[in-house]
């Protein structure tokens, strides 16, 4: 997908299942935004990581993760977020999480990874 043109949605194999993670990418100039909505567990890591790879292939200056729609996240989802941050950094792109959901805030606090979230 080319920067500035459209969006793409990814779901796990069973879209009727209630715990689907929806992943959408958006582009605005040199910034890419990845929107995640739903439950982020092991089944969502592959579509999320694929989207991160696609976004980084466009060589954005920054990657923003919009996470206000996360209703659940487990350790595999948290690990995928940390890998996304590391991949963005390695690619020379700034990485930040905007509007973290209460579920994301809670797991970050429990795990001691507060540096993953923006300072308040």
C-alpha atoms as a PDB file:
ATOM      1  CA  UNK A   1       0.000   0.000   0.000  1.00  0.00           C
ATOM      2  CA  UNK A   2       1.353   3.416  -0.908  1.00  0.00           C
ATOM      3  CA  UNK A   3       1.554   6.235   1.635  1.00  0.00           C
ATOM      4  CA  UNK A   4      -1.463   8.501   1.570  1.00  0.00           C
ATOM      5  CA  UNK A   5      -3.649   6.010  -0.267  1.00  0.00           C
ATOM      6  CA  UNK A   6      -6.386   4.201   1.632  1.00  0.00           C
ATOM      7  CA  UNK A   7      -6.236   1.846   4.568  1.00  0.00           C
ATOM      8  CA  UNK A   8      -6.114  -1.893   5.111  1.00  0.00           C
ATOM      9  CA  UNK A   9      -7.935  -3.962   7.711  1.00  0.00           C
ATOM     10  CA  UNK A  10      -6.712  -7.313   9.044  1.00  0.00           C
ATOM     11  CA  UNK A  11      -8.685  -9.807  11.110  1.00  0.00           C
ATOM     12  CA  UNK A  12      -7.908 -13.189  12.522  1.00  0.00           C
ATOM     13  CA  UNK A  13      -9.277 -16.260  10.734  1.00  0.00           C
ATOM     14  CA  UNK A  14     -12.746 -16.164  12.315  1.00  0.00           C
ATOM     15  CA  UNK A  15     -14.139 -12.637  11.927  1.00  0.00           C
ATOM     16  CA  UNK A  16     -17.411 -13.539  13.621  1.00  0.00           C
ATOM     17  CA  UNK A  17     -15.578 -14.440  16.835  1.00  0.00           C
ATOM     18  CA  UNK A  18     -15.945 -11.745  19.512  1.00  0.00           C
ATOM     19  CA  UNK A  19     -12.243 -11.392  20.284  1.00  0.00           C
ATOM     20  CA  UNK A  20     -10.992 -10.267  16.892  1.00  0.00           C
ATOM     21  CA  UNK A  21      -8.178  -7.731  16.768  1.00  0.00           C
ATOM     22  CA  UNK A  22      -8.735  -5.210  14.010  1.00  0.00           C
ATOM     23  CA  UNK A  23      -5.594  -3.573  12.656  1.00  0.00           C
ATOM     24  CA  UNK A  24      -5.727  -0.573  10.338  1.00  0.00           C
ATOM     25  CA  UNK A  25      -2.956   1.551   8.891  1.00  0.00           C
ATOM     26  CA  UNK A  26      -3.237   5.203   7.885  1.00  0.00           C
ATOM     27  CA  UNK A  27      -0.734   7.573   6.363  1.00  0.00           C
ATOM     28  CA  UNK A  28      -0.343  11.315   6.697  1.00  0.00           C
ATOM     29  CA  UNK A  29       2.786  12.796   5.104  1.00  0.00           C
ATOM     30  CA  UNK A  30       5.774  11.222   6.876  1.00  0.00           C
ATOM     31  CA  UNK A  31       3.729   9.743   9.731  1.00  0.00           C
ATOM     32  CA  UNK A  32       2.106   6.326   9.740  1.00  0.00           C
ATOM     33  CA  UNK A  33      -0.631   5.470  12.222  1.00  0.00           C
ATOM     34  CA  UNK A  34      -1.578   1.943  13.193  1.00  0.00           C
ATOM     35  CA  UNK A  35      -5.005   1.698  14.800  1.00  0.00           C
ATOM     36  CA  UNK A  36      -5.715  -1.389  16.894  1.00  0.00           C
ATOM     37  CA  UNK A  37      -9.185  -2.247  18.183  1.00  0.00           C
ATOM     38  CA  UNK A  38     -10.399  -5.288  20.101  1.00  0.00           C
ATOM     39  CA  UNK A  39      -8.590  -8.015  22.002  1.00  0.00           C
ATOM     40  CA  UNK A  40      -4.836  -8.311  21.484  1.00  0.00           C
ATOM     41  CA  UNK A  41      -3.682 -11.808  22.341  1.00  0.00           C
ATOM     42  CA  UNK A  42      -1.601 -14.420  20.542  1.00  0.00           C
ATOM     43  CA  UNK A  43      -4.078 -14.622  17.642  1.00  0.00           C
ATOM     44  CA  UNK A  44      -3.590 -10.927  16.884  1.00  0.00           C
ATOM     45  CA  UNK A  45       0.198 -10.840  16.880  1.00  0.00           C
ATOM     46  CA  UNK A  46       0.643 -12.056  13.296  1.00  0.00           C
ATOM     47  CA  UNK A  47      -1.701  -9.522  11.635  1.00  0.00           C
ATOM     48  CA  UNK A  48      -0.292  -6.744  13.833  1.00  0.00           C
ATOM     49  CA  UNK A  49       3.331  -7.631  13.057  1.00  0.00           C
ATOM     50  CA  UNK A  50       2.532  -7.871   9.343  1.00  0.00           C
ATOM     51  CA  UNK A  51       1.047  -4.388   9.421  1.00  0.00           C
ATOM     52  CA  UNK A  52       4.074  -3.040  11.288  1.00  0.00           C
ATOM     53  CA  UNK A  53       6.358  -4.520   8.617  1.00  0.00           C
ATOM     54  CA  UNK A  54       4.266  -2.978   5.822  1.00  0.00           C
ATOM     55  CA  UNK A  55       4.231   0.409   7.524  1.00  0.00           C
ATOM     56  CA  UNK A  56       7.992   0.402   8.122  1.00  0.00           C
ATOM     57  CA  UNK A  57       8.595  -0.556   4.493  1.00  0.00           C
ATOM     58  CA  UNK A  58       7.199   2.873   3.537  1.00  0.00           C
ATOM     59  CA  UNK A  59      10.002   4.467   5.605  1.00  0.00           C
ATOM     60  CA  UNK A  60       7.933   6.879   7.708  1.00  0.00           C
ATOM     61  CA  UNK A  61       9.618   9.377  10.005  1.00  0.00           C
ATOM     62  CA  UNK A  62       7.294   8.319  12.809  1.00  0.00           C
ATOM     63  CA  UNK A  63       4.905   5.517  13.683  1.00  0.00           C
ATOM     64  CA  UNK A  64       1.964   6.215  15.965  1.00  0.00           C
ATOM     65  CA  UNK A  65      -0.014   3.425  17.568  1.00  0.00           C
ATOM     66  CA  UNK A  66      -3.577   4.447  18.373  1.00  0.00           C
ATOM     67  CA  UNK A  67      -4.673   2.073  21.127  1.00  0.00           C
ATOM     68  CA  UNK A  68      -7.798   3.585  22.657  1.00  0.00           C
ATOM     69  CA  UNK A  69      -9.924   0.762  21.229  1.00  0.00           C
ATOM     70  CA  UNK A  70      -8.044  -2.084  22.907  1.00  0.00           C
ATOM     71  CA  UNK A  71     -10.402  -3.936  25.216  1.00  0.00           C
ATOM     72  CA  UNK A  72      -7.910  -6.619  26.274  1.00  0.00           C
ATOM     73  CA  UNK A  73      -4.193  -7.252  25.905  1.00  0.00           C
ATOM     74  CA  UNK A  74      -2.128 -10.134  27.231  1.00  0.00           C
ATOM     75  CA  UNK A  75       1.618 -10.725  27.430  1.00  0.00           C
ATOM     76  CA  UNK A  76       1.867 -11.791  23.772  1.00  0.00           C
ATOM     77  CA  UNK A  77       0.202  -8.546  22.675  1.00  0.00           C
ATOM     78  CA  UNK A  78       2.487  -6.547  24.943  1.00  0.00           C
ATOM     79  CA  UNK A  79       5.526  -8.323  23.515  1.00  0.00           C
ATOM     80  CA  UNK A  80       4.316  -7.508  19.980  1.00  0.00           C
ATOM     81  CA  UNK A  81       4.085  -3.813  20.943  1.00  0.00           C
ATOM     82  CA  UNK A  82       7.623  -3.865  22.309  1.00  0.00           C
ATOM     83  CA  UNK A  83       8.868  -5.553  19.129  1.00  0.00           C
ATOM     84  CA  UNK A  84       7.080  -2.927  17.031  1.00  0.00           C
ATOM     85  CA  UNK A  85       8.768  -0.156  19.016  1.00  0.00           C
ATOM     86  CA  UNK A  86      12.166  -1.827  18.583  1.00  0.00           C
ATOM     87  CA  UNK A  87      11.609  -2.377  14.845  1.00  0.00           C
ATOM     88  CA  UNK A  88      10.609   1.271  14.364  1.00  0.00           C
ATOM     89  CA  UNK A  89      13.668   2.447  16.271  1.00  0.00           C
ATOM     90  CA  UNK A  90      15.902   0.170  14.223  1.00  0.00           C
ATOM     91  CA  UNK A  91      14.339   1.559  11.030  1.00  0.00           C
ATOM     92  CA  UNK A  92      15.063   5.112  12.199  1.00  0.00           C
ATOM     93  CA  UNK A  93      11.421   6.011  12.873  1.00  0.00           C
ATOM     94  CA  UNK A  94      10.100   7.549  16.063  1.00  0.00           C
ATOM     95  CA  UNK A  95       7.502   5.389  17.825  1.00  0.00           C
ATOM     96  CA  UNK A  96       4.776   6.428  20.223  1.00  0.00           C
ATOM     97  CA  UNK A  97       1.502   5.123  21.573  1.00  0.00           C
ATOM     98  CA  UNK A  98      -1.379   7.593  21.561  1.00  0.00           C
ATOM     99  CA  UNK A  99      -4.485   7.241  23.675  1.00  0.00           C
ATOM    100  CA  UNK A 100      -3.666   3.954  25.427  1.00  0.00           C
ATOM    101  CA  UNK A 101      -6.774   2.148  26.621  1.00  0.00           C
ATOM    102  CA  UNK A 102      -7.297   1.307  30.304  1.00  0.00           C
ATOM    103  CA  UNK A 103      -6.480  -2.339  29.493  1.00  0.00           C
ATOM    104  CA  UNK A 104      -3.135  -1.341  27.967  1.00  0.00           C
ATOM    105  CA  UNK A 105      -2.319   1.026  30.824  1.00  0.00           C
ATOM    106  CA  UNK A 106      -3.019  -1.730  33.349  1.00  0.00           C
ATOM    107  CA  UNK A 107      -0.754  -4.372  31.767  1.00  0.00           C
ATOM    108  CA  UNK A 108       2.014  -1.824  31.256  1.00  0.00           C
ATOM    109  CA  UNK A 109       1.845  -0.805  34.923  1.00  0.00           C
ATOM    110  CA  UNK A 110       1.758  -4.429  36.126  1.00  0.00           C
ATOM    111  CA  UNK A 111       4.733  -5.364  33.959  1.00  0.00           C
ATOM    112  CA  UNK A 112       6.776  -2.265  34.814  1.00  0.00           C
ATOM    113  CA  UNK A 113       7.040  -1.102  31.208  1.00  0.00           C
ATOM    114  CA  UNK A 114       5.760   2.455  31.712  1.00  0.00           C
ATOM    115  CA  UNK A 115       8.337   3.781  29.219  1.00  0.00           C
ATOM    116  CA  UNK A 116       6.196   2.218  26.469  1.00  0.00           C
ATOM    117  CA  UNK A 117       3.462   4.816  27.104  1.00  0.00           C
ATOM    118  CA  UNK A 118       3.574   8.583  26.703  1.00  0.00           C
ATOM    119  CA  UNK A 119       4.423  10.613  29.803  1.00  0.00           C
ATOM    120  CA  UNK A 120       1.439  12.248  31.445  1.00  0.00           C
END
